[in-house]
Amino acid sequence: MNEEEKIRREVDETLHSLDDWTPAEADDFFYARLEHRMTDEGLFESEAGSWFVFAAAAVILLVLANIFTLQQFQQVFTTSDESQETDVAALAEDYQVDMPVIYELNAQE
């Protein structure tokens, strides 16, 4: 019990030390002076300007992603079936894929 009483006493002392604590207070117009100083040094931007830059960058990235996607789809749709078959045949020959597919086995029966 002696150890528990010691711990409780230390906790009570710690909590009571916070009773006299007061929050920090700033002078009048402190935020206005700080904002002015940060603007002069170039550290502070207005929120409207930063949102505009972010929105413009997002739109540009979206447009570029759409252009890339359209180009990829055009390449896929412009290739003929014959060229796709030759590509698949060349790939199968390179990797020696000679195993019959289940569909081919069913077609032969």
PDB file of N, CA and C in Angstrom:
ATOM      1  N   MET A   1       0.817  -1.196   0.000  1.00  0.00           N
ATOM      2  CA  MET A   1       0.000   0.000   0.000  1.00  0.00           C
ATOM      3  C   MET A   1       0.855   1.252   0.000  1.00  0.00           C
ATOM      4  N   ASN A   2       2.004   1.187   0.566  1.00  0.00           N
ATOM      5  CA  ASN A   2       2.878   2.344   0.667  1.00  0.00           C
ATOM      6  C   ASN A   2       3.258   2.834  -0.739  1.00  0.00           C
ATOM      7  N   GLU A   3       3.530   1.895  -1.632  1.00  0.00           N
ATOM      8  CA  GLU A   3       3.927   2.255  -2.996  1.00  0.00           C
ATOM      9  C   GLU A   3       2.751   2.897  -3.743  1.00  0.00           C
ATOM     10  N   GLU A   4       1.551   2.359  -3.544  1.00  0.00           N
ATOM     11  CA  GLU A   4       0.369   2.918  -4.199  1.00  0.00           C
ATOM     12  C   GLU A   4       0.079   4.333  -3.698  1.00  0.00           C
ATOM     13  N   GLU A   5       0.239   4.564  -2.403  1.00  0.00           N
ATOM     14  CA  GLU A   5       0.005   5.898  -1.856  1.00  0.00           C
ATOM     15  C   GLU A   5       0.999   6.896  -2.421  1.00  0.00           C
ATOM     16  N   LYS A   6       2.224   6.468  -2.589  1.00  0.00           N
ATOM     17  CA  LYS A   6       3.257   7.340  -3.150  1.00  0.00           C
ATOM     18  C   LYS A   6       2.903   7.715  -4.589  1.00  0.00           C
ATOM     19  N   ILE A   7       2.433   6.738  -5.352  1.00  0.00           N
ATOM     20  CA  ILE A   7       2.063   7.004  -6.746  1.00  0.00           C
ATOM     21  C   ILE A   7       0.869   7.949  -6.815  1.00  0.00           C
ATOM     22  N   ARG A   8      -0.132   7.718  -5.971  1.00  0.00           N
ATOM     23  CA  ARG A   8      -1.307   8.591  -5.952  1.00  0.00           C
ATOM     24  C   ARG A   8      -0.942  10.015  -5.550  1.00  0.00           C
ATOM     25  N   ARG A   9      -0.042  10.137  -4.606  1.00  0.00           N
ATOM     26  CA  ARG A   9       0.375  11.467  -4.171  1.00  0.00           C
ATOM     27  C   ARG A   9       1.088  12.205  -5.306  1.00  0.00           C
ATOM     28  N   GLU A  10       1.940  11.500  -6.038  1.00  0.00           N
ATOM     29  CA  GLU A  10       2.646  12.133  -7.156  1.00  0.00           C
ATOM     30  C   GLU A  10       1.675  12.529  -8.258  1.00  0.00           C
ATOM     31  N   VAL A  11       0.684  11.677  -8.512  1.00  0.00           N
ATOM     32  CA  VAL A  11      -0.322  12.009  -9.522  1.00  0.00           C
ATOM     33  C   VAL A  11      -1.116  13.231  -9.087  1.00  0.00           C
ATOM     34  N   ASP A  12      -1.530  13.276  -7.810  1.00  0.00           N
ATOM     35  CA  ASP A  12      -2.272  14.434  -7.306  1.00  0.00           C
ATOM     36  C   ASP A  12      -1.449  15.716  -7.392  1.00  0.00           C
ATOM     37  N   GLU A  13      -0.168  15.645  -7.046  1.00  0.00           N
ATOM     38  CA  GLU A  13       0.697  16.823  -7.132  1.00  0.00           C
ATOM     39  C   GLU A  13       0.811  17.305  -8.576  1.00  0.00           C
ATOM     40  N   THR A  14       0.925  16.356  -9.487  1.00  0.00           N
ATOM     41  CA  THR A  14       1.032  16.728 -10.902  1.00  0.00           C
ATOM     42  C   THR A  14      -0.247  17.392 -11.391  1.00  0.00           C
ATOM     43  N   LEU A  15      -1.392  16.813 -11.026  1.00  0.00           N
ATOM     44  CA  LEU A  15      -2.660  17.390 -11.448  1.00  0.00           C
ATOM     45  C   LEU A  15      -2.903  18.752 -10.799  1.00  0.00           C
ATOM     46  N   HIS A  16      -2.520  18.926  -9.576  1.00  0.00           N
ATOM     47  CA  HIS A  16      -2.706  20.217  -8.903  1.00  0.00           C
ATOM     48  C   HIS A  16      -1.766  21.287  -9.462  1.00  0.00           C
ATOM     49  N   SER A  17      -0.637  20.881 -10.002  1.00  0.00           N
ATOM     50  CA  SER A  17       0.262  21.865 -10.590  1.00  0.00           C
ATOM     51  C   SER A  17      -0.357  22.486 -11.840  1.00  0.00           C
ATOM     52  N   LEU A  18      -1.277  21.773 -12.465  1.00  0.00           N
ATOM     53  CA  LEU A  18      -1.944  22.316 -13.649  1.00  0.00           C
ATOM     54  C   LEU A  18      -3.106  23.246 -13.300  1.00  0.00           C
ATOM     55  N   ASP A  19      -3.502  23.314 -12.028  1.00  0.00           N
ATOM     56  CA  ASP A  19      -4.622  24.158 -11.638  1.00  0.00           C
ATOM     57  C   ASP A  19      -4.336  25.639 -11.854  1.00  0.00           C
ATOM     58  N   ASP A  20      -3.097  26.072 -11.662  1.00  0.00           N
ATOM     59  CA  ASP A  20      -2.740  27.480 -11.794  1.00  0.00           C
ATOM     60  C   ASP A  20      -2.319  27.843 -13.212  1.00  0.00           C
ATOM     61  N   TRP A  21      -2.393  26.915 -14.100  1.00  0.00           N
ATOM     62  CA  TRP A  21      -1.954  27.144 -15.478  1.00  0.00           C
ATOM     63  C   TRP A  21      -2.950  28.022 -16.214  1.00  0.00           C
ATOM     64  N   THR A  22      -2.439  29.006 -16.970  1.00  0.00           N
ATOM     65  CA  THR A  22      -3.301  29.867 -17.783  1.00  0.00           C
ATOM     66  C   THR A  22      -2.811  29.796 -19.225  1.00  0.00           C
ATOM     67  N   PRO A  23      -3.706  29.860 -20.164  1.00  0.00           N
ATOM     68  CA  PRO A  23      -3.286  29.793 -21.566  1.00  0.00           C
ATOM     69  C   PRO A  23      -2.503  31.052 -21.961  1.00  0.00           C
ATOM     70  N   ALA A  24      -1.635  30.882 -22.922  1.00  0.00           N
ATOM     71  CA  ALA A  24      -0.839  32.016 -23.394  1.00  0.00           C
ATOM     72  C   ALA A  24      -1.735  32.985 -24.144  1.00  0.00           C
ATOM     73  N   GLU A  25      -1.457  34.263 -23.983  1.00  0.00           N
ATOM     74  CA  GLU A  25      -2.244  35.296 -24.644  1.00  0.00           C
ATOM     75  C   GLU A  25      -1.325  36.130 -25.522  1.00  0.00           C
ATOM     76  N   ALA A  26      -1.819  36.488 -26.700  1.00  0.00           N
ATOM     77  CA  ALA A  26      -1.039  37.296 -27.634  1.00  0.00           C
ATOM     78  C   ALA A  26      -1.512  38.741 -27.563  1.00  0.00           C
ATOM     79  N   ASP A  27      -0.634  39.643 -27.996  1.00  0.00           N
ATOM     80  CA  ASP A  27      -0.999  41.054 -28.049  1.00  0.00           C
ATOM     81  C   ASP A  27      -2.098  41.268 -29.084  1.00  0.00           C
ATOM     82  N   ASP A  28      -2.742  42.423 -29.003  1.00  0.00           N
ATOM     83  CA  ASP A  28      -3.741  42.758 -30.002  1.00  0.00           C
ATOM     84  C   ASP A  28      -3.081  42.861 -31.378  1.00  0.00           C
ATOM     85  N   PHE A  29      -3.782  42.432 -32.383  1.00  0.00           N
ATOM     86  CA  PHE A  29      -3.332  42.488 -33.774  1.00  0.00           C
ATOM     87  C   PHE A  29      -2.066  41.669 -34.033  1.00  0.00           C
ATOM     88  N   PHE A  30      -1.787  40.690 -33.190  1.00  0.00           N
ATOM     89  CA  PHE A  30      -0.596  39.862 -33.389  1.00  0.00           C
ATOM     90  C   PHE A  30      -0.678  39.093 -34.703  1.00  0.00           C
ATOM     91  N   TYR A  31      -1.837  38.506 -34.977  1.00  0.00           N
ATOM     92  CA  TYR A  31      -1.988  37.727 -36.195  1.00  0.00           C
ATOM     93  C   TYR A  31      -1.845  38.607 -37.435  1.00  0.00           C
ATOM     94  N   ALA A  32      -2.371  39.803 -37.397  1.00  0.00           N
ATOM     95  CA  ALA A  32      -2.261  40.710 -38.541  1.00  0.00           C
ATOM     96  C   ALA A  32      -0.804  41.081 -38.805  1.00  0.00           C
ATOM     97  N   ARG A  33      -0.050  41.364 -37.737  1.00  0.00           N
ATOM     98  CA  ARG A  33       1.372  41.693 -37.914  1.00  0.00           C
ATOM     99  C   ARG A  33       2.151  40.488 -38.436  1.00  0.00           C
ATOM    100  N   LEU A  34       1.845  39.308 -37.915  1.00  0.00           N
ATOM    101  CA  LEU A  34       2.532  38.098 -38.360  1.00  0.00           C
ATOM    102  C   LEU A  34       2.220  37.808 -39.821  1.00  0.00           C
ATOM    103  N   GLU A  35       0.970  37.939 -40.206  1.00  0.00           N
ATOM    104  CA  GLU A  35       0.582  37.705 -41.600  1.00  0.00           C
ATOM    105  C   GLU A  35       1.280  38.701 -42.527  1.00  0.00           C
ATOM    106  N   HIS A  36       1.354  39.958 -42.107  1.00  0.00           N
ATOM    107  CA  HIS A  36       2.023  40.970 -42.925  1.00  0.00           C
ATOM    108  C   HIS A  36       3.505  40.643 -43.089  1.00  0.00           C
ATOM    109  N   ARG A  37       4.152  40.244 -42.001  1.00  0.00           N
ATOM    110  CA  ARG A  37       5.574  39.906 -42.065  1.00  0.00           C
ATOM    111  C   ARG A  37       5.815  38.691 -42.968  1.00  0.00           C
ATOM    112  N   MET A  38       4.948  37.682 -42.859  1.00  0.00           N
ATOM    113  CA  MET A  38       5.111  36.483 -43.693  1.00  0.00           C
ATOM    114  C   MET A  38       4.850  36.800 -45.156  1.00  0.00           C
ATOM    115  N   THR A  39       3.933  37.709 -45.443  1.00  0.00           N
ATOM    116  CA  THR A  39       3.656  38.101 -46.821  1.00  0.00           C
ATOM    117  C   THR A  39       4.850  38.846 -47.396  1.00  0.00           C
ATOM    118  N   ASP A  40       5.449  39.715 -46.613  1.00  0.00           N
ATOM    119  CA  ASP A  40       6.617  40.464 -47.087  1.00  0.00           C
ATOM    120  C   ASP A  40       7.788  39.542 -47.387  1.00  0.00           C
ATOM    121  N   GLU A  41       7.956  38.494 -46.602  1.00  0.00           N
ATOM    122  CA  GLU A  41       9.069  37.571 -46.809  1.00  0.00           C
ATOM    123  C   GLU A  41       8.747  36.488 -47.835  1.00  0.00           C
ATOM    124  N   GLY A  42       7.541  36.448 -48.337  1.00  0.00           N
ATOM    125  CA  GLY A  42       7.162  35.464 -49.341  1.00  0.00           C
ATOM    126  C   GLY A  42       6.823  34.098 -48.765  1.00  0.00           C
ATOM    127  N   LEU A  43       6.595  34.012 -47.475  1.00  0.00           N
ATOM    128  CA  LEU A  43       6.293  32.728 -46.856  1.00  0.00           C
ATOM    129  C   LEU A  43       4.804  32.437 -46.801  1.00  0.00           C
ATOM    130  N   PHE A  44       4.000  33.425 -47.070  1.00  0.00           N
ATOM    131  CA  PHE A  44       2.556  33.286 -46.897  1.00  0.00           C
ATOM    132  C   PHE A  44       1.873  33.604 -48.211  1.00  0.00           C
ATOM    133  N   GLU A  45       1.023  32.696 -48.680  1.00  0.00           N
ATOM    134  CA  GLU A  45       0.262  32.944 -49.890  1.00  0.00           C
ATOM    135  C   GLU A  45      -1.206  33.018 -49.529  1.00  0.00           C
ATOM    136  N   SER A  46      -1.918  33.724 -50.332  1.00  0.00           N
ATOM    137  CA  SER A  46      -3.358  33.760 -50.093  1.00  0.00           C
ATOM    138  C   SER A  46      -3.952  32.408 -50.456  1.00  0.00           C
ATOM    139  N   GLU A  47      -5.032  32.053 -49.815  1.00  0.00           N
ATOM    140  CA  GLU A  47      -5.640  30.752 -50.050  1.00  0.00           C
ATOM    141  C   GLU A  47      -6.219  30.649 -51.453  1.00  0.00           C
ATOM    142  N   ALA A  48      -6.712  31.721 -52.002  1.00  0.00           N
ATOM    143  CA  ALA A  48      -7.304  31.693 -53.340  1.00  0.00           C
ATOM    144  C   ALA A  48      -6.244  31.354 -54.383  1.00  0.00           C
ATOM    145  N   GLY A  49      -5.062  31.906 -54.246  1.00  0.00           N
ATOM    146  CA  GLY A  49      -3.993  31.626 -55.205  1.00  0.00           C
ATOM    147  C   GLY A  49      -3.536  30.187 -55.158  1.00  0.00           C
ATOM    148  N   SER A  50      -3.402  29.646 -53.966  1.00  0.00           N
ATOM    149  CA  SER A  50      -2.940  28.255 -53.862  1.00  0.00           C
ATOM    150  C   SER A  50      -4.004  27.288 -54.363  1.00  0.00           C
ATOM    151  N   TRP A  51      -5.279  27.585 -54.120  1.00  0.00           N
ATOM    152  CA  TRP A  51      -6.346  26.714 -54.635  1.00  0.00           C
ATOM    153  C   TRP A  51      -6.405  26.763 -56.146  1.00  0.00           C
ATOM    154  N   PHE A  52      -6.168  27.942 -56.718  1.00  0.00           N
ATOM    155  CA  PHE A  52      -6.196  28.055 -58.169  1.00  0.00           C
ATOM    156  C   PHE A  52      -5.084  27.238 -58.799  1.00  0.00           C
ATOM    157  N   VAL A  53      -3.896  27.301 -58.239  1.00  0.00           N
ATOM    158  CA  VAL A  53      -2.769  26.535 -58.772  1.00  0.00           C
ATOM    159  C   VAL A  53      -3.038  25.037 -58.649  1.00  0.00           C
ATOM    160  N   PHE A  54      -3.569  24.615 -57.523  1.00  0.00           N
ATOM    161  CA  PHE A  54      -3.881  23.207 -57.323  1.00  0.00           C
ATOM    162  C   PHE A  54      -4.941  22.731 -58.313  1.00  0.00           C
ATOM    163  N   ALA A  55      -5.978  23.532 -58.502  1.00  0.00           N
ATOM    164  CA  ALA A  55      -7.047  23.153 -59.429  1.00  0.00           C
ATOM    165  C   ALA A  55      -6.533  23.098 -60.865  1.00  0.00           C
ATOM    166  N   ALA A  56      -5.709  24.056 -61.247  1.00  0.00           N
ATOM    167  CA  ALA A  56      -5.155  24.066 -62.605  1.00  0.00           C
ATOM    168  C   ALA A  56      -4.267  22.841 -62.832  1.00  0.00           C
ATOM    169  N   ALA A  57      -3.446  22.495 -61.853  1.00  0.00           N
ATOM    170  CA  ALA A  57      -2.580  21.318 -61.993  1.00  0.00           C
ATOM    171  C   ALA A  57      -3.408  20.042 -62.084  1.00  0.00           C
ATOM    172  N   ALA A  58      -4.474  19.955 -61.313  1.00  0.00           N
ATOM    173  CA  ALA A  58      -5.333  18.763 -61.360  1.00  0.00           C
ATOM    174  C   ALA A  58      -6.013  18.632 -62.718  1.00  0.00           C
ATOM    175  N   VAL A  59      -6.478  19.742 -63.278  1.00  0.00           N
ATOM    176  CA  VAL A  59      -7.129  19.703 -64.594  1.00  0.00           C
ATOM    177  C   VAL A  59      -6.132  19.294 -65.665  1.00  0.00           C
ATOM    178  N   ILE A  60      -4.938  19.844 -65.608  1.00  0.00           N
ATOM    179  CA  ILE A  60      -3.908  19.494 -66.599  1.00  0.00           C
ATOM    180  C   ILE A  60      -3.563  18.016 -66.514  1.00  0.00           C
ATOM    181  N   LEU A  61      -3.391  17.486 -65.305  1.00  0.00           N
ATOM    182  CA  LEU A  61      -3.097  16.063 -65.155  1.00  0.00           C
ATOM    183  C   LEU A  61      -4.236  15.201 -65.665  1.00  0.00           C
ATOM    184  N   LEU A  62      -5.456  15.601 -65.428  1.00  0.00           N
ATOM    185  CA  LEU A  62      -6.612  14.854 -65.905  1.00  0.00           C
ATOM    186  C   LEU A  62      -6.667  14.843 -67.431  1.00  0.00           C
ATOM    187  N   VAL A  63      -6.414  15.977 -68.045  1.00  0.00           N
ATOM    188  CA  VAL A  63      -6.414  16.059 -69.507  1.00  0.00           C
ATOM    189  C   VAL A  63      -5.304  15.187 -70.090  1.00  0.00           C
ATOM    190  N   LEU A  64      -4.119  15.248 -69.504  1.00  0.00           N
ATOM    191  CA  LEU A  64      -3.009  14.427 -70.000  1.00  0.00           C
ATOM    192  C   LEU A  64      -3.301  12.934 -69.850  1.00  0.00           C
ATOM    193  N   ALA A  65      -3.908  12.548 -68.739  1.00  0.00           N
ATOM    194  CA  ALA A  65      -4.257  11.136 -68.545  1.00  0.00           C
ATOM    195  C   ALA A  65      -5.296  10.698 -69.575  1.00  0.00           C
ATOM    196  N   ASN A  66      -6.257  11.551 -69.898  1.00  0.00           N
ATOM    197  CA  ASN A  66      -7.257  11.207 -70.909  1.00  0.00           C
ATOM    198  C   ASN A  66      -6.634  11.078 -72.294  1.00  0.00           C
ATOM    199  N   ILE A  67      -5.722  11.972 -72.635  1.00  0.00           N
ATOM    200  CA  ILE A  67      -5.052  11.901 -73.933  1.00  0.00           C
ATOM    201  C   ILE A  67      -4.257  10.607 -74.039  1.00  0.00           C
ATOM    202  N   PHE A  68      -3.528  10.258 -72.998  1.00  0.00           N
ATOM    203  CA  PHE A  68      -2.754   9.021 -72.996  1.00  0.00           C
ATOM    204  C   PHE A  68      -3.667   7.801 -73.159  1.00  0.00           C
ATOM    205  N   THR A  69      -4.777   7.798 -72.452  1.00  0.00           N
ATOM    206  CA  THR A  69      -5.715   6.680 -72.528  1.00  0.00           C
ATOM    207  C   THR A  69      -6.313   6.559 -73.923  1.00  0.00           C
ATOM    208  N   LEU A  70      -6.689   7.676 -74.524  1.00  0.00           N
ATOM    209  CA  LEU A  70      -7.232   7.638 -75.878  1.00  0.00           C
ATOM    210  C   LEU A  70      -6.221   7.111 -76.886  1.00  0.00           C
ATOM    211  N   GLN A  71      -4.966   7.506 -76.739  1.00  0.00           N
ATOM    212  CA  GLN A  71      -3.938   7.003 -77.641  1.00  0.00           C
ATOM    213  C   GLN A  71      -3.763   5.496 -77.490  1.00  0.00           C
ATOM    214  N   GLN A  72      -3.807   5.010 -76.279  1.00  0.00           N
ATOM    215  CA  GLN A  72      -3.661   3.573 -76.061  1.00  0.00           C
ATOM    216  C   GLN A  72      -4.832   2.807 -76.673  1.00  0.00           C
ATOM    217  N   PHE A  73      -6.047   3.308 -76.520  1.00  0.00           N
ATOM    218  CA  PHE A  73      -7.210   2.641 -77.100  1.00  0.00           C
ATOM    219  C   PHE A  73      -7.167   2.687 -78.620  1.00  0.00           C
ATOM    220  N   GLN A  74      -6.700   3.772 -79.189  1.00  0.00           N
ATOM    221  CA  GLN A  74      -6.602   3.852 -80.648  1.00  0.00           C
ATOM    222  C   GLN A  74      -5.614   2.841 -81.179  1.00  0.00           C
ATOM    223  N   GLN A  75      -4.516   2.641 -80.467  1.00  0.00           N
ATOM    224  CA  GLN A  75      -3.538   1.645 -80.904  1.00  0.00           C
ATOM    225  C   GLN A  75      -4.120   0.244 -80.850  1.00  0.00           C
ATOM    226  N   VAL A  76      -4.911  -0.038 -79.837  1.00  0.00           N
ATOM    227  CA  VAL A  76      -5.502  -1.368 -79.702  1.00  0.00           C
ATOM    228  C   VAL A  76      -6.536  -1.601 -80.792  1.00  0.00           C
ATOM    229  N   PHE A  77      -7.364  -0.612 -81.079  1.00  0.00           N
ATOM    230  CA  PHE A  77      -8.440  -0.800 -82.041  1.00  0.00           C
ATOM    231  C   PHE A  77      -7.961  -0.716 -83.485  1.00  0.00           C
ATOM    232  N   THR A  78      -6.822  -0.108 -83.749  1.00  0.00           N
ATOM    233  CA  THR A  78      -6.344  -0.001 -85.129  1.00  0.00           C
ATOM    234  C   THR A  78      -5.590  -1.246 -85.569  1.00  0.00           C
ATOM    235  N   THR A  79      -5.149  -2.069 -84.654  1.00  0.00           N
ATOM    236  CA  THR A  79      -4.463  -3.294 -85.060  1.00  0.00           C
ATOM    237  C   THR A  79      -5.494  -4.285 -85.571  1.00  0.00           C
ATOM    238  N   SER A  80      -5.149  -4.962 -86.637  1.00  0.00           N
ATOM    239  CA  SER A  80      -6.087  -5.915 -87.235  1.00  0.00           C
ATOM    240  C   SER A  80      -6.018  -7.242 -86.493  1.00  0.00           C
ATOM    241  N   ASP A  81      -7.036  -8.057 -86.741  1.00  0.00           N
ATOM    242  CA  ASP A  81      -7.077  -9.375 -86.117  1.00  0.00           C
ATOM    243  C   ASP A  81      -5.921 -10.248 -86.601  1.00  0.00           C
ATOM    244  N   GLU A  82      -5.551 -10.061 -87.876  1.00  0.00           N
ATOM    245  CA  GLU A  82      -4.464 -10.868 -88.440  1.00  0.00           C
ATOM    246  C   GLU A  82      -3.133 -10.551 -87.755  1.00  0.00           C
ATOM    247  N   SER A  83      -2.883  -9.268 -87.505  1.00  0.00           N
ATOM    248  CA  SER A  83      -1.623  -8.906 -86.855  1.00  0.00           C
ATOM    249  C   SER A  83      -1.618  -9.371 -85.403  1.00  0.00           C
ATOM    250  N   GLN A  84      -2.792  -9.352 -84.757  1.00  0.00           N
ATOM    251  CA  GLN A  84      -2.868  -9.858 -83.392  1.00  0.00           C
ATOM    252  C   GLN A  84      -2.603 -11.356 -83.355  1.00  0.00           C
ATOM    253  N   GLU A  85      -3.117 -12.086 -84.334  1.00  0.00           N
ATOM    254  CA  GLU A  85      -2.887 -13.530 -84.389  1.00  0.00           C
ATOM    255  C   GLU A  85      -1.426 -13.844 -84.630  1.00  0.00           C
ATOM    256  N   THR A  86      -0.780 -13.063 -85.496  1.00  0.00           N
ATOM    257  CA  THR A  86       0.646 -13.301 -85.735  1.00  0.00           C
ATOM    258  C   THR A  86       1.468 -12.964 -84.493  1.00  0.00           C
ATOM    259  N   ASP A  87       1.058 -11.931 -83.754  1.00  0.00           N
ATOM    260  CA  ASP A  87       1.758 -11.601 -82.512  1.00  0.00           C
ATOM    261  C   ASP A  87       1.615 -12.717 -81.489  1.00  0.00           C
ATOM    262  N   VAL A  88       0.414 -13.277 -81.392  1.00  0.00           N
ATOM    263  CA  VAL A  88       0.182 -14.367 -80.440  1.00  0.00           C
ATOM    264  C   VAL A  88       0.946 -15.606 -80.876  1.00  0.00           C
ATOM    265  N   ALA A  89       0.973 -15.876 -82.157  1.00  0.00           N
ATOM    266  CA  ALA A  89       1.711 -17.042 -82.661  1.00  0.00           C
ATOM    267  C   ALA A  89       3.208 -16.876 -82.407  1.00  0.00           C
ATOM    268  N   ALA A  90       3.732 -15.678 -82.619  1.00  0.00           N
ATOM    269  CA  ALA A  90       5.156 -15.438 -82.376  1.00  0.00           C
ATOM    270  C   ALA A  90       5.472 -15.576 -80.894  1.00  0.00           C
ATOM    271  N   LEU A  91       4.594 -15.096 -80.061  1.00  0.00           N
ATOM    272  CA  LEU A  91       4.794 -15.220 -78.623  1.00  0.00           C
ATOM    273  C   LEU A  91       4.760 -16.683 -78.200  1.00  0.00           C
ATOM    274  N   ALA A  92       3.817 -17.440 -78.751  1.00  0.00           N
ATOM    275  CA  ALA A  92       3.722 -18.861 -78.422  1.00  0.00           C
ATOM    276  C   ALA A  92       4.948 -19.615 -78.905  1.00  0.00           C
ATOM    277  N   GLU A  93       5.465 -19.220 -80.050  1.00  0.00           N
ATOM    278  CA  GLU A  93       6.664 -19.883 -80.566  1.00  0.00           C
ATOM    279  C   GLU A  93       7.885 -19.550 -79.718  1.00  0.00           C
ATOM    280  N   ASP A  94       7.979 -18.294 -79.285  1.00  0.00           N
ATOM    281  CA  ASP A  94       9.115 -17.892 -78.456  1.00  0.00           C
ATOM    282  C   ASP A  94       9.124 -18.634 -77.123  1.00  0.00           C
ATOM    283  N   TYR A  95       7.960 -18.815 -76.555  1.00  0.00           N
ATOM    284  CA  TYR A  95       7.884 -19.465 -75.252  1.00  0.00           C
ATOM    285  C   TYR A  95       7.529 -20.946 -75.355  1.00  0.00           C
ATOM    286  N   GLN A  96       7.485 -21.458 -76.549  1.00  0.00           N
ATOM    287  CA  GLN A  96       7.217 -22.871 -76.817  1.00  0.00           C
ATOM    288  C   GLN A  96       5.946 -23.347 -76.118  1.00  0.00           C
ATOM    289  N   VAL A  97       4.900 -22.659 -76.390  1.00  0.00           N
ATOM    290  CA  VAL A  97       3.612 -23.004 -75.815  1.00  0.00           C
ATOM    291  C   VAL A  97       2.917 -23.940 -76.803  1.00  0.00           C
ATOM    292  N   ASP A  98       3.095 -25.231 -76.610  1.00  0.00           N
ATOM    293  CA  ASP A  98       2.519 -26.217 -77.515  1.00  0.00           C
ATOM    294  C   ASP A  98       1.425 -27.038 -76.854  1.00  0.00           C
ATOM    295  N   MET A  99       1.117 -26.747 -75.622  1.00  0.00           N
ATOM    296  CA  MET A  99       0.085 -27.507 -74.933  1.00  0.00           C
ATOM    297  C   MET A  99      -1.270 -27.150 -75.523  1.00  0.00           C
ATOM    298  N   PRO A 100      -2.080 -28.161 -75.826  1.00  0.00           N
ATOM    299  CA  PRO A 100      -3.416 -27.854 -76.363  1.00  0.00           C
ATOM    300  C   PRO A 100      -4.304 -27.244 -75.276  1.00  0.00           C
ATOM    301  N   VAL A 101      -5.116 -26.344 -75.683  1.00  0.00           N
ATOM    302  CA  VAL A 101      -6.032 -25.675 -74.778  1.00  0.00           C
ATOM    303  C   VAL A 101      -7.269 -26.553 -74.629  1.00  0.00           C
ATOM    304  N   ILE A 102      -7.962 -26.444 -73.544  1.00  0.00           N
ATOM    305  CA  ILE A 102      -9.135 -27.267 -73.266  1.00  0.00           C
ATOM    306  C   ILE A 102     -10.198 -27.107 -74.348  1.00  0.00           C
ATOM    307  N   TYR A 103     -10.290 -25.907 -74.911  1.00  0.00           N
ATOM    308  CA  TYR A 103     -11.281 -25.684 -75.968  1.00  0.00           C
ATOM    309  C   TYR A 103     -10.902 -26.438 -77.235  1.00  0.00           C
ATOM    310  N   GLU A 104      -9.604 -26.499 -77.510  1.00  0.00           N
ATOM    311  CA  GLU A 104      -9.170 -27.231 -78.693  1.00  0.00           C
ATOM    312  C   GLU A 104      -9.425 -28.721 -78.526  1.00  0.00           C
ATOM    313  N   LEU A 105      -9.243 -29.259 -77.331  1.00  0.00           N
ATOM    314  CA  LEU A 105      -9.488 -30.668 -77.083  1.00  0.00           C
ATOM    315  C   LEU A 105     -10.966 -31.001 -77.272  1.00  0.00           C
ATOM    316  N   ASN A 106     -11.834 -30.123 -76.799  1.00  0.00           N
ATOM    317  CA  ASN A 106     -13.270 -30.360 -76.951  1.00  0.00           C
ATOM    318  C   ASN A 106     -13.701 -30.228 -78.402  1.00  0.00           C
ATOM    319  N   ALA A 107     -13.069 -29.353 -79.154  1.00  0.00           N
ATOM    320  CA  ALA A 107     -13.420 -29.165 -80.563  1.00  0.00           C
ATOM    321  C   ALA A 107     -13.025 -30.390 -81.384  1.00  0.00           C
ATOM    322  N   GLN A 108     -11.928 -31.078 -81.034  1.00  0.00           N
ATOM    323  CA  GLN A 108     -11.475 -32.240 -81.777  1.00  0.00           C
ATOM    324  C   GLN A 108     -12.359 -33.459 -81.544  1.00  0.00           C
ATOM    325  N   GLU A 109     -13.021 -33.529 -80.438  1.00  0.00           N
ATOM    326  CA  GLU A 109     -13.852 -34.705 -80.119  1.00  0.00           C
ATOM    327  C   GLU A 109     -15.131 -34.702 -80.817  1.00  0.00           C
TER     328      GLU A 109
END
